[in-house]
Amino acid sequence: MKPASFKYLAPDSLAEALALRAEHGDDAKALAGGQSLIPAMNFRVAQPSLLVDLNKINELRYIRREGNELRIGAMTTQSAVERNDLVAKHQPLLFETVPFVAHPQIRNRGTLGGSLAHADPAAEMPVVALALDAKFKAQSKDGERWIPAKEFFQGFFTVDLQPTEYLTEIAYPDLPARTGWCFMEVARRHGDYAMCGIAALVTLDAKGICEKARLVYLNVGDGPVDASRTAALLTGQAITDEAMRAAADKAAGDEMNPFGSVHASPEYQKHLARVLTRRALKTAHERALTAH
């Protein structure tokens, strides 16, 4: 297949890109890594009239500390995140998860911002962003605004970006003290889309009791699924085997709606969610016990 005809522009600055976005709106489709957009164009699922290539805009490629946050430019490649010492030190959940994204060749081209803005329900990066309470900077020609992760993802391949805006930066707050983390997923082969996955966080108080938990799942709904009611049940409890089993049963039974596929029925996806919940909570709890 070949894409429909389109006009191609490659601005040298963010200001120029935002001016094009203001002029053309949704017709000005951003090209970041192109790992999702180009295949969609080849199948003519996406038929933008204007392709705005952001790869010359180096001001959107960075990883840096600002206060108690890690800031990452939207055009930073996933492989750059995977190899970065600041990410490893300050955002271990993100660091642990990136290698699960597709294959090295894909991560060398694919960008963090592109994955988040694409909002594939089976993608890893949206799940991690929601679990970590990340926030997103959306910029237009007229200004900028910050969007919490819980408001950014709005359903199948849908995010809270206006027709005049581009996603330009992601901010990840530091983890609280005594917090453990874990990411797990099950796929037919490494690099394939996962049939189910989970990002788990457990924060303990000084006595080892759960102060806060996060359980966010991929590919069991129309976006990243935050099992907030299940996580709330863990608060104030010791993380025992019984508590983990109860959490796994509630999350799979009450807080997700998998659609199934040729590779996994909805029932099997829920089975995977139960198993992964127990395993991820166990690992996150063990890490929290030794975290500072």
Protein backbone atom coordinates (compact mmCIF):
# COMPACT_ATOMS: atom_id res chain seq x y z
CA MET A 1 0.00 0.00 0.00
CA LYS A 2 1.03 3.59 -0.58
CA PRO A 3 -0.16 6.66 1.32
CA ALA A 4 -2.54 9.18 -0.15
CA SER A 5 -0.90 12.33 -1.47
CA PHE A 6 0.17 14.87 1.14
CA LYS A 7 2.26 17.99 1.54
CA TYR A 8 5.46 17.70 3.60
CA LEU A 9 7.11 20.43 5.69
CA ALA A 10 10.04 20.17 8.11
CA PRO A 11 10.21 23.26 10.35
CA ASP A 12 13.49 24.14 12.05
CA SER A 13 11.94 25.50 15.26
CA LEU A 14 9.04 24.86 17.60
CA ALA A 15 7.68 28.34 16.90
CA GLU A 16 7.50 27.53 13.19
CA ALA A 17 5.80 24.19 13.87
CA LEU A 18 3.22 25.82 16.13
CA ALA A 19 2.52 28.46 13.50
CA LEU A 20 1.81 25.69 10.99
CA ARG A 21 -0.43 23.97 13.53
CA ALA A 22 -2.33 27.21 14.13
CA GLU A 23 -2.81 27.70 10.41
CA HIS A 24 -3.79 24.15 9.45
CA GLY A 25 -5.22 22.63 12.67
CA ASP A 26 -5.78 18.89 12.63
CA ASP A 27 -4.76 18.76 8.97
CA ALA A 28 -1.17 19.42 10.13
CA LYS A 29 -0.28 15.95 11.37
CA ALA A 30 2.93 15.76 13.41
CA LEU A 31 5.60 13.30 12.31
CA ALA A 32 7.75 12.29 15.28
CA GLY A 33 9.25 8.80 15.04
CA GLY A 34 6.61 7.71 12.55
CA GLN A 35 6.42 4.19 13.97
CA SER A 36 2.62 4.32 14.17
CA LEU A 37 1.70 7.11 11.77
CA ILE A 38 3.54 5.88 8.67
CA PRO A 39 2.00 2.38 8.72
CA ALA A 40 -1.42 3.98 9.24
CA MET A 41 -0.79 6.24 6.24
CA ASN A 42 0.36 3.31 4.11
CA PHE A 43 -2.92 1.54 4.84
CA ARG A 44 -4.75 4.86 4.33
CA VAL A 45 -6.25 4.66 7.79
CA ALA A 46 -4.67 8.10 8.25
CA GLN A 47 -4.75 10.54 5.32
CA PRO A 48 -3.33 13.87 6.50
CA SER A 49 -3.14 16.61 3.92
CA LEU A 50 -0.02 18.06 5.59
CA LEU A 51 2.78 16.21 7.35
CA VAL A 52 4.82 18.38 9.74
CA ASP A 53 8.14 16.63 10.43
CA LEU A 54 9.36 17.61 13.91
CA ASN A 55 12.73 15.87 13.69
CA LYS A 56 14.73 19.04 13.05
CA ILE A 57 13.46 20.61 16.29
CA ASN A 58 16.29 19.76 18.67
CA GLU A 59 14.81 21.95 21.41
CA LEU A 60 12.30 19.12 22.01
CA ARG A 61 15.03 16.55 22.72
CA TYR A 62 16.25 16.59 26.33
CA ILE A 63 16.13 14.82 29.68
CA ARG A 64 16.78 17.05 32.68
CA ARG A 65 15.97 17.64 36.33
CA GLU A 66 13.81 20.57 37.42
CA GLY A 67 13.10 20.65 41.14
CA ASN A 68 11.56 17.33 42.15
CA GLU A 69 10.62 16.38 38.60
CA LEU A 70 12.25 14.73 35.62
CA ARG A 71 11.42 16.65 32.44
CA ILE A 72 11.62 14.92 29.07
CA GLY A 73 11.16 16.61 25.71
CA ALA A 74 8.50 15.07 23.52
CA MET A 75 10.92 14.30 20.66
CA THR A 76 13.30 12.35 22.90
CA THR A 77 13.60 8.83 21.52
CA GLN A 78 12.64 5.86 23.62
CA SER A 79 16.18 4.48 23.25
CA ALA A 80 17.57 7.72 24.74
CA VAL A 81 15.25 7.28 27.73
CA GLU A 82 16.34 3.65 28.01
CA ARG A 83 20.03 4.59 28.30
CA ASN A 84 19.75 7.70 30.47
CA ASP A 85 21.30 7.75 33.96
CA LEU A 86 18.85 10.38 35.26
CA VAL A 87 15.92 8.18 34.27
CA ALA A 88 17.55 5.16 35.93
CA LYS A 89 18.12 7.10 39.16
CA HIS A 90 14.93 9.14 39.49
CA GLN A 91 12.30 7.20 37.51
CA PRO A 92 13.03 3.49 37.92
CA LEU A 93 9.55 2.41 36.79
CA LEU A 94 9.94 4.27 33.50
CA PHE A 95 13.49 2.93 33.13
CA GLU A 96 12.32 -0.64 33.75
CA THR A 97 9.44 -0.37 31.28
CA VAL A 98 11.03 1.15 28.16
CA PRO A 99 12.80 -2.07 27.06
CA PHE A 100 9.37 -3.71 26.76
CA VAL A 101 8.45 -1.29 23.96
CA ALA A 102 8.66 -3.17 20.65
CA HIS A 103 12.28 -3.77 19.48
CA PRO A 104 15.52 -1.72 19.58
CA GLN A 105 15.08 -0.55 15.99
CA ILE A 106 11.64 0.83 16.86
CA ARG A 107 12.89 2.51 20.04
CA ASN A 108 15.72 4.14 18.10
CA ARG A 109 13.12 6.01 16.02
CA GLY A 110 10.04 6.09 18.22
CA THR A 111 9.67 9.05 20.56
CA LEU A 112 8.27 9.30 24.06
CA GLY A 113 5.89 12.08 23.07
CA GLY A 114 4.74 10.23 19.98
CA SER A 115 3.80 7.13 21.95
CA LEU A 116 1.92 9.16 24.54
CA ALA A 117 0.05 11.31 22.02
CA HIS A 118 -0.87 8.23 19.96
CA ALA A 119 -2.49 6.70 23.07
CA ASP A 120 -2.65 3.10 21.92
CA PRO A 121 -4.50 1.12 24.65
CA ALA A 122 -1.86 -1.62 24.30
CA ALA A 123 1.12 0.74 24.67
CA GLU A 124 3.41 0.78 27.69
CA MET A 125 4.24 4.48 28.00
CA PRO A 126 0.69 5.73 28.73
CA VAL A 127 0.31 3.18 31.54
CA VAL A 128 3.55 4.30 33.19
CA ALA A 129 2.68 7.99 32.82
CA LEU A 130 -0.67 7.46 34.52
CA ALA A 131 0.81 5.34 37.32
CA LEU A 132 3.43 8.03 38.02
CA ASP A 133 0.95 10.93 37.89
CA ALA A 134 2.92 12.54 35.08
CA LYS A 135 1.77 15.76 33.50
CA PHE A 136 1.95 16.90 29.90
CA LYS A 137 2.79 20.29 28.42
CA ALA A 138 0.64 21.19 25.44
CA GLN A 139 1.80 24.21 23.48
CA SER A 140 0.15 26.33 20.83
CA LYS A 141 1.06 29.56 19.11
CA ASP A 142 -0.87 31.39 21.84
CA GLY A 143 0.60 29.75 24.94
CA GLU A 144 0.88 26.55 26.93
CA ARG A 145 -0.99 24.48 29.49
CA TRP A 146 -0.22 21.49 31.69
CA ILE A 147 -2.52 18.46 31.60
CA PRO A 148 -2.51 15.74 34.30
CA ALA A 149 -2.16 12.21 32.96
CA LYS A 150 -5.54 11.24 34.39
CA GLU A 151 -7.16 13.87 32.13
CA PHE A 152 -4.89 13.49 29.10
CA PHE A 153 -5.99 10.01 28.00
CA GLN A 154 -9.60 10.08 26.84
CA GLY A 155 -10.24 6.76 25.10
CA PHE A 156 -9.14 4.84 22.02
CA PHE A 157 -6.27 6.76 20.43
CA THR A 158 -7.71 9.98 21.88
CA VAL A 159 -5.98 12.57 24.06
CA ASP A 160 -6.74 16.05 25.36
CA LEU A 161 -4.90 18.03 22.70
CA GLN A 162 -6.61 20.88 20.87
CA PRO A 163 -6.32 21.25 17.06
CA THR A 164 -3.81 24.07 17.57
CA GLU A 165 -1.61 22.24 20.11
CA TYR A 166 1.34 19.87 20.09
CA LEU A 167 2.60 17.84 23.04
CA THR A 168 6.06 19.23 23.82
CA GLU A 169 7.14 18.00 27.27
CA ILE A 170 6.40 15.36 29.89
CA ALA A 171 7.10 15.90 33.60
CA TYR A 172 7.47 12.94 35.95
CA PRO A 173 7.38 13.72 39.70
CA ASP A 174 9.82 11.94 42.00
CA LEU A 175 8.55 8.83 43.76
CA PRO A 176 7.73 9.22 47.47
CA ALA A 177 10.06 7.68 50.03
CA ARG A 178 9.64 3.94 50.68
CA THR A 179 8.06 3.34 47.27
CA GLY A 180 8.53 0.18 45.25
CA TRP A 181 7.67 -0.29 41.60
CA CYS A 182 7.17 -3.00 39.04
CA PHE A 183 6.19 -3.37 35.39
CA MET A 184 5.18 -6.70 33.90
CA GLU A 185 3.42 -7.82 30.75
CA VAL A 186 2.63 -10.98 28.82
CA ALA A 187 3.10 -11.08 25.05
CA ARG A 188 3.35 -13.94 22.57
CA ARG A 189 6.93 -12.87 21.82
CA HIS A 190 9.10 -10.11 23.23
CA GLY A 191 8.33 -6.95 21.30
CA ASP A 192 4.81 -8.00 20.33
CA TYR A 193 1.81 -6.11 21.64
CA ALA A 194 1.08 -7.40 25.13
CA MET A 195 -2.12 -9.30 25.83
CA CYS A 196 -2.08 -7.68 29.28
CA GLY A 197 0.36 -5.61 31.30
CA ILE A 198 0.56 -3.77 34.60
CA ALA A 199 2.47 -0.91 36.21
CA ALA A 200 2.36 -1.19 40.00
CA LEU A 201 3.53 1.15 42.75
CA VAL A 202 3.47 0.53 46.50
CA THR A 203 4.35 3.18 49.10
CA LEU A 204 4.84 2.02 52.70
CA ASP A 205 4.73 3.96 55.94
CA ALA A 206 7.43 3.67 58.60
CA LYS A 207 5.73 0.56 60.01
CA GLY A 208 5.59 -1.23 56.68
CA ILE A 209 1.86 -0.68 56.11
CA CYS A 210 0.65 0.33 52.66
CA GLU A 211 0.24 4.09 52.54
CA LYS A 212 -0.63 4.26 48.83
CA ALA A 213 -0.80 1.92 45.86
CA ARG A 214 -1.25 2.31 42.11
CA LEU A 215 -2.33 -0.41 39.71
CA VAL A 216 -2.58 0.61 36.05
CA TYR A 217 -3.18 -1.88 33.24
CA LEU A 218 -2.69 -1.94 29.49
CA ASN A 219 -4.79 -3.59 26.79
CA VAL A 220 -7.78 -4.32 29.03
CA GLY A 221 -9.87 -1.27 28.10
CA ASP A 222 -10.02 1.71 25.75
CA GLY A 223 -6.91 3.27 27.29
CA PRO A 224 -4.69 2.85 30.34
CA VAL A 225 -6.94 1.38 33.05
CA ASP A 226 -6.39 2.79 36.54
CA ALA A 227 -7.73 0.29 39.08
CA SER A 228 -8.11 3.02 41.68
CA ARG A 229 -10.81 1.29 43.75
CA THR A 230 -8.66 -1.80 44.09
CA ALA A 231 -5.61 0.26 45.01
CA ALA A 232 -7.64 2.09 47.66
CA LEU A 233 -8.50 -1.22 49.33
CA LEU A 234 -4.79 -1.88 49.86
CA THR A 235 -4.29 1.42 51.69
CA GLY A 236 -3.87 0.92 55.43
CA GLN A 237 -3.19 -2.79 55.05
CA ALA A 238 -0.15 -4.99 55.24
CA ILE A 239 0.69 -6.33 51.78
CA THR A 240 0.10 -10.01 52.51
CA ASP A 241 -0.48 -12.88 50.10
CA GLU A 242 -4.18 -12.74 50.97
CA ALA A 243 -4.35 -8.99 50.30
CA MET A 244 -2.61 -9.42 46.96
CA ARG A 245 -4.98 -12.21 45.91
CA ALA A 246 -8.01 -10.12 46.88
CA ALA A 247 -6.67 -7.13 44.95
CA ALA A 248 -6.02 -9.27 41.89
CA ASP A 249 -9.54 -10.69 41.95
CA LYS A 250 -11.19 -7.30 42.40
CA ALA A 251 -9.16 -5.56 39.69
CA ALA A 252 -9.81 -8.30 37.15
CA GLY A 253 -13.44 -8.70 38.13
CA ASP A 254 -14.58 -5.10 38.56
CA GLU A 255 -12.20 -2.60 36.99
CA MET A 256 -11.43 -3.69 33.44
CA ASN A 257 -13.25 -4.52 30.25
CA PRO A 258 -10.88 -6.32 27.86
CA PHE A 259 -12.09 -6.68 24.30
CA GLY A 260 -10.16 -9.81 23.40
CA SER A 261 -8.32 -10.55 20.17
CA VAL A 262 -7.23 -13.45 17.98
CA HIS A 263 -4.47 -14.05 20.55
CA ALA A 264 -6.41 -13.82 23.81
CA SER A 265 -10.06 -13.97 24.83
CA PRO A 266 -11.37 -11.43 27.38
CA GLU A 267 -11.47 -14.22 29.95
CA TYR A 268 -7.81 -15.08 29.35
CA GLN A 269 -6.84 -11.40 29.57
CA LYS A 270 -8.54 -11.23 32.97
CA HIS A 271 -6.68 -14.36 34.04
CA LEU A 272 -3.42 -12.70 33.02
CA ALA A 273 -4.42 -9.57 34.94
CA ARG A 274 -4.93 -11.61 38.11
CA VAL A 275 -1.57 -13.34 37.80
CA LEU A 276 0.32 -10.17 36.90
CA THR A 277 -1.32 -8.21 39.73
CA ARG A 278 -0.13 -10.68 42.33
CA ARG A 279 3.37 -10.85 40.89
CA ALA A 280 3.76 -7.11 40.37
CA LEU A 281 2.46 -6.26 43.84
CA LYS A 282 4.87 -8.77 45.37
CA THR A 283 7.84 -7.26 43.53
CA ALA A 284 6.79 -3.66 44.24
CA HIS A 285 6.29 -4.48 47.92
CA GLU A 286 9.71 -6.14 48.20
CA ARG A 287 11.35 -3.12 46.59
CA ALA A 288 9.45 -0.73 48.87
CA LEU A 289 10.83 -2.53 51.92
CA THR A 290 14.38 -1.62 50.88
CA ALA A 291 13.67 1.78 49.28
CA HIS A 292 14.80 5.03 50.87
